[in-house]
Protein backbone atom coordinates (compact mmCIF):
# COMPACT_ATOMS: atom_id res chain seq x y z
CA MET A 1 -98.31 102.77 16.80
CA THR A 2 -95.63 105.16 18.06
CA GLN A 3 -92.03 104.62 19.12
CA SER A 4 -93.17 105.04 22.74
CA THR A 5 -95.38 101.93 22.45
CA PRO A 6 -93.86 99.13 24.56
CA LEU A 7 -91.93 96.65 22.43
CA TYR A 8 -94.04 93.67 23.46
CA GLN A 9 -97.15 95.60 22.32
CA GLN A 10 -95.50 96.20 18.95
CA ILE A 11 -94.91 92.46 18.58
CA LYS A 12 -98.50 91.73 19.61
CA GLN A 13 -99.83 94.16 17.01
CA HIS A 14 -97.50 92.73 14.38
CA ILE A 15 -98.94 89.25 14.96
CA LEU A 16 -102.55 90.50 15.18
CA ASP A 17 -102.19 92.42 11.91
CA ARG A 18 -101.08 89.24 10.16
CA ILE A 19 -103.89 87.21 11.69
CA GLN A 20 -106.48 89.79 10.61
CA SER A 21 -105.02 90.11 7.10
CA GLY A 22 -105.04 86.34 6.64
CA GLU A 23 -101.26 86.07 6.33
CA TYR A 24 -101.46 83.92 9.46
CA PRO A 25 -104.65 81.92 8.81
CA LEU A 26 -106.50 79.73 11.34
CA HIS A 27 -104.27 76.86 12.56
CA GLN A 28 -101.15 78.49 11.03
CA GLN A 29 -98.00 78.20 13.15
CA ILE A 30 -96.47 81.59 13.96
CA PRO A 31 -92.70 82.24 14.07
CA PRO A 32 -91.03 81.05 17.29
CA GLU A 33 -90.16 83.44 20.11
CA GLN A 34 -86.46 83.42 19.25
CA GLU A 35 -87.16 84.48 15.66
CA LEU A 36 -89.52 87.28 16.74
CA ALA A 37 -86.99 88.47 19.32
CA GLY A 38 -84.34 88.73 16.61
CA GLN A 39 -86.69 90.46 14.18
CA PHE A 40 -87.55 93.17 16.73
CA SER A 41 -84.12 93.27 18.40
CA VAL A 42 -85.57 92.50 21.83
CA SER A 43 -85.04 89.86 24.48
CA ARG A 44 -86.76 86.51 24.17
CA MET A 45 -88.65 87.37 27.38
CA THR A 46 -90.24 90.37 25.62
CA ALA A 47 -91.34 88.19 22.70
CA HIS A 48 -92.62 85.61 25.19
CA LYS A 49 -94.81 88.23 26.91
CA ALA A 50 -96.37 89.29 23.60
CA ILE A 51 -97.22 85.69 22.71
CA ARG A 52 -98.40 84.87 26.23
CA ASP A 53 -100.85 87.81 26.11
CA LEU A 54 -102.25 86.65 22.76
CA VAL A 55 -102.66 83.13 24.14
CA GLN A 56 -104.56 84.50 27.14
CA GLU A 57 -106.72 86.65 24.85
CA GLY A 58 -107.60 83.58 22.78
CA TYR A 59 -105.86 84.43 19.48
CA LEU A 60 -103.08 81.85 19.81
CA MET A 61 -102.77 78.34 21.23
CA ARG A 62 -99.59 76.61 22.39
CA ARG A 63 -99.05 72.94 21.54
CA ALA A 64 -96.40 71.29 23.68
CA GLY A 65 -93.39 70.33 21.60
CA LEU A 66 -94.88 71.72 18.38
CA GLY A 67 -95.11 75.50 18.71
CA THR A 68 -97.73 78.25 18.79
CA PHE A 69 -100.68 78.32 16.39
CA VAL A 70 -103.48 80.70 15.38
CA THR A 71 -106.79 79.63 16.90
CA GLU A 72 -110.41 80.75 16.78
CA PRO A 73 -111.01 83.11 19.76
CA LYS A 74 -113.50 81.68 22.25
CA ALA A 75 -116.77 83.41 22.86
CA GLU A 76 -116.53 85.39 26.08
CA SER A 77 -118.87 86.89 28.67
CA PRO A 78 -118.19 89.07 31.71
CA LEU A 79 -118.70 87.18 34.95
CA ALA A 80 -119.42 90.21 37.11
CA ASP A 81 -122.11 91.64 34.87
CA ILE A 82 -125.04 90.61 32.66
CA ASN A 83 -124.71 91.23 28.94
CA ASN A 84 -127.13 90.32 26.19
CA ILE A 85 -125.57 87.30 24.46
CA ALA A 86 -126.96 88.47 21.10
CA ASP A 87 -125.11 91.79 21.49
CA GLU A 88 -121.89 90.01 22.51
CA VAL A 89 -121.95 87.85 19.39
CA ARG A 90 -122.71 90.76 17.05
CA GLN A 91 -119.97 92.89 18.65
CA ARG A 92 -117.52 90.17 17.60
CA GLY A 93 -118.72 90.65 14.02
CA HIS A 94 -120.49 87.28 13.99
CA ASP A 95 -124.04 86.18 13.24
CA TYR A 96 -126.36 85.51 16.17
CA SER A 97 -129.34 83.16 16.07
CA ASN A 98 -131.21 80.96 18.51
CA SER A 99 -133.56 78.03 18.73
CA VAL A 100 -136.44 78.16 21.21
CA ILE A 101 -136.80 74.64 22.58
CA LEU A 102 -139.43 75.21 25.24
CA LEU A 103 -141.63 78.03 26.51
CA ASP A 104 -144.19 77.00 29.11
CA SER A 105 -145.71 77.44 32.56
CA ILE A 106 -144.91 74.72 35.12
CA ARG A 107 -145.27 73.96 38.82
CA ALA A 108 -142.10 74.54 40.82
CA ASP A 109 -140.48 71.38 42.14
CA GLU A 110 -138.46 71.40 45.35
CA GLU A 111 -135.23 72.69 43.78
CA ILE A 112 -136.87 75.44 41.72
CA ALA A 113 -139.06 76.52 44.63
CA LEU A 114 -135.93 76.83 46.77
CA GLN A 115 -133.97 78.76 44.12
CA MET A 116 -136.90 81.07 43.36
CA GLY A 117 -137.99 81.61 46.96
CA MET A 118 -141.46 80.27 46.16
CA ARG A 119 -143.82 77.71 47.60
CA LEU A 120 -143.64 74.15 46.31
CA ASN A 121 -145.90 73.74 43.24
CA ALA A 122 -146.20 77.50 42.72
CA ARG A 123 -146.61 78.49 39.08
CA VAL A 124 -143.38 79.55 37.33
CA PHE A 125 -142.52 80.34 33.72
CA HIS A 126 -139.97 78.00 32.13
CA SER A 127 -137.94 78.53 28.95
CA VAL A 128 -135.13 76.64 27.21
CA ILE A 129 -133.23 78.37 24.41
CA VAL A 130 -130.09 77.38 22.48
CA HIS A 131 -127.97 80.40 21.48
CA LEU A 132 -125.77 80.11 18.39
CA GLU A 133 -122.81 82.03 16.99
CA ASN A 134 -122.29 81.57 13.25
CA GLN A 135 -124.69 78.61 13.51
CA VAL A 136 -122.53 76.94 16.20
CA PRO A 137 -124.24 76.45 19.60
CA ILE A 138 -122.44 78.33 22.39
CA GLN A 139 -125.00 78.32 25.20
CA VAL A 140 -128.06 76.44 26.41
CA GLU A 141 -130.14 78.75 28.59
CA GLU A 142 -132.71 77.16 30.89
CA ARG A 143 -134.57 79.89 32.75
CA PHE A 144 -137.29 80.03 35.41
CA VAL A 145 -139.15 83.36 35.78
CA ASN A 146 -141.46 84.75 38.46
CA PRO A 147 -144.82 85.33 36.69
CA ALA A 148 -145.79 88.10 39.11
CA LEU A 149 -142.84 90.23 37.97
CA ALA A 150 -142.83 89.36 34.25
CA PRO A 151 -146.45 88.45 33.41
CA ASP A 152 -145.98 88.75 29.61
CA TYR A 153 -142.86 86.54 29.46
CA LEU A 154 -144.53 83.63 27.66
CA GLY A 155 -145.89 85.94 24.97
CA CYS A 156 -142.49 87.32 24.00
CA ASP A 157 -141.00 86.45 20.60
CA PHE A 158 -137.54 85.27 21.68
CA SER A 159 -136.38 84.98 18.09
CA GLU A 160 -136.44 88.80 18.14
CA MET A 161 -135.50 89.53 21.78
CA THR A 162 -133.50 87.35 24.18
CA PRO A 163 -134.89 86.62 27.67
CA ASN A 164 -132.09 88.74 29.10
CA ALA A 165 -133.05 91.74 26.98
CA TYR A 166 -136.73 91.29 27.87
CA LEU A 167 -136.09 91.10 31.62
CA VAL A 168 -133.66 94.04 31.66
CA GLN A 169 -136.27 96.13 29.82
CA HIS A 170 -139.25 95.14 31.97
CA CYS A 171 -137.62 94.41 35.36
CA PRO A 172 -134.61 96.69 35.95
CA LEU A 173 -132.05 94.48 37.66
CA SER A 174 -130.78 95.46 41.10
CA ASP A 175 -128.89 92.37 42.31
CA LEU A 176 -127.04 89.46 40.74
CA GLU A 177 -125.72 86.10 41.95
CA HIS A 178 -123.43 83.85 39.89
CA ILE A 179 -122.19 80.35 40.71
CA VAL A 180 -119.77 78.79 38.18
CA GLU A 181 -119.01 75.07 38.03
CA ALA A 182 -117.08 72.78 35.67
CA ARG A 183 -119.50 69.98 34.79
CA LEU A 184 -120.12 67.23 32.28
CA ALA A 185 -123.44 68.02 30.67
CA PRO A 186 -126.41 65.63 30.76
CA PRO A 187 -127.25 63.89 27.45
CA GLN A 188 -129.92 66.35 26.27
CA ILE A 189 -127.66 69.38 26.88
CA ARG A 190 -124.80 67.62 25.05
CA GLU A 191 -127.08 67.00 22.09
CA TRP A 192 -128.15 70.64 21.91
CA LEU A 193 -124.53 71.83 22.20
CA GLN A 194 -123.28 69.18 19.76
CA LEU A 195 -120.68 67.89 22.24
CA LYS A 196 -118.94 64.61 22.80
CA ALA A 197 -119.70 62.85 26.09
CA ASP A 198 -116.32 63.72 27.65
CA THR A 199 -116.32 67.44 26.72
CA PRO A 200 -116.41 69.57 29.90
CA CYS A 201 -118.86 72.45 30.22
CA LEU A 202 -119.03 75.65 32.20
CA LEU A 203 -122.32 75.79 34.08
CA VAL A 204 -123.31 79.24 35.31
CA SER A 205 -126.20 79.29 37.78
CA ARG A 206 -127.57 82.83 37.82
CA ARG A 207 -130.21 84.47 40.00
CA THR A 208 -131.35 88.04 39.37
CA TRP A 209 -133.40 90.47 41.44
CA SER A 210 -135.36 93.61 40.56
CA LEU A 211 -135.88 96.08 43.39
CA HIS A 212 -134.82 93.25 45.71
CA GLN A 213 -137.51 90.86 44.41
CA LEU A 214 -136.19 87.65 42.83
CA VAL A 215 -137.06 87.71 39.12
CA SER A 216 -135.39 84.66 37.61
CA PHE A 217 -133.14 81.67 38.08
CA ALA A 218 -131.17 80.46 35.06
CA ARG A 219 -128.85 77.58 34.27
CA LEU A 220 -126.46 78.59 31.49
CA TRP A 221 -124.52 75.72 29.93
CA HIS A 222 -121.44 76.67 27.87
CA PRO A 223 -119.13 74.27 25.98
CA GLY A 224 -115.75 74.59 27.71
CA ASN A 225 -113.87 74.35 24.40
CA ARG A 226 -115.81 77.26 22.85
CA TYR A 227 -116.46 79.65 25.71
CA LYS A 228 -114.77 81.52 28.52
CA LEU A 229 -115.84 83.84 31.32
CA ARG A 230 -113.83 86.89 32.35
CA SER A 231 -113.94 88.96 35.53
CA THR A 232 -112.14 92.26 36.10
CA LEU A 233 -111.92 93.83 39.55
CA LYS A 234 -110.47 97.25 40.33
CA LEU A 235 -108.71 97.36 43.68
CA GLY A 236 -108.22 100.58 45.58
């Protein structure tokens, strides 16, 4: 880091280096803003910006009246794109695994027929998979797939390839729709995610198209205390 690096960035890197070296372990309280400001000969506002950025990035957590502490960064996915969750986990240096709960062909009920643009009782592929990061569940994926566009879906080994990776490979995606809601999960989802009854979830309802044909509809349940979604938009 050079002398031209903004001072708040120098403070951020100073804190990150100590987190990564283990000098500031998980749940350790970091020095207060006033102490950091004095150490770097900057205003308290500059120290505040460095800490605020690290809180927003998920490295630190503020506790009212107590101070600022090192925390485990939440898993994160881009909201305006589709990434393979297995790749996301591995890019964080963590172990990815999953548990395939269900893989079957069903008849579309009224809701699924509406979401998939199909006739009532039309055949649709149905899968339920729990995705884990370091053996901790971070997403329950319930997906409905158009058999005409992905006829081999039920024969795929999803312990080796996620549904997302399979669909991207076999049905190049052209359009995407996301709806995000804060919800309390139903009992079965809570059990799979190992959540208490009052823990809020992020529910992402996702529909994807290939060459303007609707391929799949998915409900993605994320534990709100372990996951976050990020969206970046360039203006102008």
